[in-house]
Protein backbone atom coordinates (compact mmCIF):
# COMPACT_ATOMS: atom_id res chain seq x y z
CA UNK A 1 163.30 5.97 75.12
CA UNK A 2 162.79 8.45 77.34
CA UNK A 3 159.44 7.40 79.49
CA UNK A 4 158.85 10.01 81.57
CA UNK A 5 158.89 12.44 79.00
CA UNK A 6 154.56 12.11 78.66
CA UNK A 7 154.44 12.51 81.89
CA UNK A 8 153.77 16.51 82.56
CA UNK A 9 154.82 18.03 86.06
CA UNK A 10 152.76 18.54 88.77
CA UNK A 11 151.63 22.17 89.10
CA UNK A 12 152.14 24.11 91.78
CA UNK A 13 149.29 24.24 94.89
CA UNK A 14 148.97 27.88 96.55
CA UNK A 15 147.16 27.79 99.50
CA UNK A 16 144.37 30.31 99.34
CA UNK A 17 143.35 30.95 102.71
CA UNK A 18 139.84 32.73 104.03
CA UNK A 19 139.07 34.31 107.42
CA UNK A 20 135.26 34.61 107.62
CA UNK A 21 132.73 33.72 110.29
CA UNK A 22 130.30 31.66 107.90
CA UNK A 23 131.10 30.00 104.49
CA UNK A 24 130.03 32.90 101.87
CA UNK A 25 133.31 33.71 100.96
CA UNK A 26 135.22 30.64 100.80
CA UNK A 27 132.41 28.25 99.60
CA UNK A 28 132.58 31.68 96.56
CA UNK A 29 136.64 31.36 96.29
CA UNK A 30 136.32 27.19 95.55
CA UNK A 31 133.97 28.15 92.95
CA UNK A 32 136.21 31.22 91.37
CA UNK A 33 139.41 30.30 92.29
CA UNK A 34 139.70 27.37 93.86
CA UNK A 35 139.10 23.46 92.90
CA UNK A 36 135.25 24.27 91.41
CA UNK A 37 137.00 27.01 89.32
CA UNK A 38 135.22 27.72 86.02
CA UNK A 39 138.53 27.16 84.03
CA UNK A 40 139.43 25.60 80.58
CA UNK A 41 142.52 24.31 82.53
CA UNK A 42 141.51 22.73 85.42
CA UNK A 43 139.46 19.36 85.18
CA UNK A 44 135.86 18.82 87.47
CA UNK A 45 138.38 17.97 90.85
CA UNK A 46 140.60 20.87 90.60
CA UNK A 47 144.19 18.79 88.79
CA UNK A 48 145.70 20.96 86.16
CA UNK A 49 145.42 19.49 83.05
CA UNK A 50 148.90 20.49 81.80
CA UNK A 51 148.24 24.34 81.09
CA UNK A 52 151.28 25.18 83.56
CA UNK A 53 148.64 27.19 85.59
CA UNK A 54 148.72 27.01 89.30
CA UNK A 55 145.98 25.11 91.40
CA UNK A 56 145.22 27.18 94.37
CA UNK A 57 143.66 25.23 97.73
CA UNK A 58 141.11 26.91 99.26
CA UNK A 59 140.97 26.58 103.30
CA UNK A 60 139.09 28.27 106.07
CA UNK A 61 141.54 29.00 108.80
CA UNK A 62 140.93 31.65 111.84
CA UNK A 63 143.02 34.29 112.26
CA UNK A 64 145.52 33.48 115.00
CA UNK A 65 146.28 29.59 112.72
CA UNK A 66 146.76 31.80 109.66
CA UNK A 67 149.34 34.57 111.80
CA UNK A 68 150.85 30.45 113.21
CA UNK A 69 151.52 29.08 109.34
CA UNK A 70 152.21 32.57 107.28
CA UNK A 71 156.07 32.11 107.65
CA UNK A 72 155.92 28.74 105.72
CA UNK A 73 153.95 29.85 102.85
CA UNK A 74 156.32 30.98 100.04
CA UNK A 75 153.11 32.09 97.86
CA UNK A 76 149.75 33.14 99.73
CA UNK A 77 146.55 34.52 99.14
CA UNK A 78 144.35 35.17 102.06
CA UNK A 79 140.62 36.80 101.79
CA UNK A 80 140.06 38.56 105.40
CA UNK A 81 136.26 38.95 106.22
CA UNK A 82 135.34 42.31 107.52
CA UNK A 83 132.35 43.25 109.08
CA UNK A 84 130.93 45.88 111.83
CA UNK A 85 132.12 43.53 114.97
CA UNK A 86 135.92 42.70 113.91
CA UNK A 87 137.18 45.65 111.51
CA UNK A 88 139.78 46.72 114.24
CA UNK A 89 140.97 42.87 115.05
CA UNK A 90 140.98 42.21 111.39
CA UNK A 91 142.87 45.67 110.44
CA UNK A 92 145.87 44.73 113.17
CA UNK A 93 145.53 41.18 111.18
CA UNK A 94 146.39 42.89 107.99
CA UNK A 95 148.55 45.21 108.88
CA UNK A 96 150.16 42.92 110.57
CA UNK A 97 151.38 40.67 108.14
CA UNK A 98 151.41 43.44 105.90
CA UNK A 99 154.49 44.53 107.38
CA UNK A 100 155.89 40.85 108.26
CA UNK A 101 155.34 39.38 104.69
CA UNK A 102 154.85 42.26 101.68
CA UNK A 103 154.75 39.37 99.11
CA UNK A 104 151.30 37.78 100.65
CA UNK A 105 148.56 38.98 98.43
CA UNK A 106 145.80 39.82 100.67
CA UNK A 107 142.32 40.67 99.91
CA UNK A 108 139.08 42.15 102.28
CA UNK A 109 135.62 41.15 101.82
CA UNK A 110 133.39 44.36 103.71
CA UNK A 111 130.05 42.67 104.91
CA UNK A 112 127.15 43.83 106.88
CA UNK A 113 128.38 47.53 106.90
CA UNK A 114 126.37 49.78 104.94
CA UNK A 115 127.67 51.46 101.47
CA UNK A 116 129.11 55.10 102.48
CA UNK A 117 130.78 53.55 106.08
CA UNK A 118 131.93 50.50 103.49
CA UNK A 119 133.97 52.66 101.36
CA UNK A 120 136.09 54.63 104.39
CA UNK A 121 136.34 51.40 105.23
CA UNK A 122 137.57 50.03 101.74
CA UNK A 123 140.25 52.63 101.95
CA UNK A 124 141.44 52.76 105.30
CA UNK A 125 142.27 48.69 104.54
CA UNK A 126 143.98 49.65 101.49
CA UNK A 127 146.42 51.86 103.14
CA UNK A 128 147.01 48.45 105.57
CA UNK A 129 148.34 46.16 102.78
CA UNK A 130 145.28 45.07 101.04
CA UNK A 131 145.40 44.49 97.38
CA UNK A 132 141.38 44.32 96.59
CA UNK A 133 138.62 45.09 98.27
CA UNK A 134 135.68 42.82 97.41
CA UNK A 135 131.43 43.47 98.87
CA UNK A 136 130.11 40.35 96.90
CA UNK A 137 131.60 37.15 96.33
CA UNK A 138 130.75 37.33 92.51
CA UNK A 139 133.20 39.75 92.91
CA UNK A 140 136.34 36.70 93.25
CA UNK A 141 135.20 36.00 89.04
CA UNK A 142 136.86 38.44 88.24
CA UNK A 143 140.21 39.02 90.99
CA UNK A 144 140.42 35.17 90.61
CA UNK A 145 142.01 36.15 86.85
CA UNK A 146 144.17 38.79 88.57
CA UNK A 147 145.33 35.73 91.28
CA UNK A 148 145.76 33.37 88.71
CA UNK A 149 147.82 35.42 86.53
CA UNK A 150 150.06 36.97 89.03
CA UNK A 151 150.86 33.84 90.59
CA UNK A 152 151.75 32.21 86.91
CA UNK A 153 153.86 34.69 86.54
CA UNK A 154 155.91 33.59 88.65
CA UNK A 155 156.66 30.00 87.89
CA UNK A 156 157.48 31.32 84.59
CA UNK A 157 159.86 34.07 85.83
CA UNK A 158 161.35 31.08 88.14
CA UNK A 159 162.30 28.67 85.16
CA UNK A 160 164.94 31.64 84.40
């Protein structure tokens, strides 16, 4: 009799890094993507209940730390906060990550910019490698499904 048959395989833990000045976006990421996500396949502590879905570990990191640690990550999501003060610096980071690691899923959260310049900024930042632009933390609820689907697909493809 195999005593290990009932033990489910541990799910993959995928880093979800947030680079921001406050806690607004990281708190939302924890709620919608990370350990407190509203998902039937995950318990209150963020542990997978055997659904085969990956678990996302949300961390707040500064841009220098992200650039230093990115080489050692195979699957990764980075959410960059953009404001009127840091637009050019974040654009440079996004472009560099996009050029060196096009497989990294990068998102941009635009804060403190009026609506019309925000639309132009969203178009420009997408050209540099951002796959999604958010204006409100609640939008993470919709994008969370996207990120789970992308990384769930990777785990099923790696079996073959």
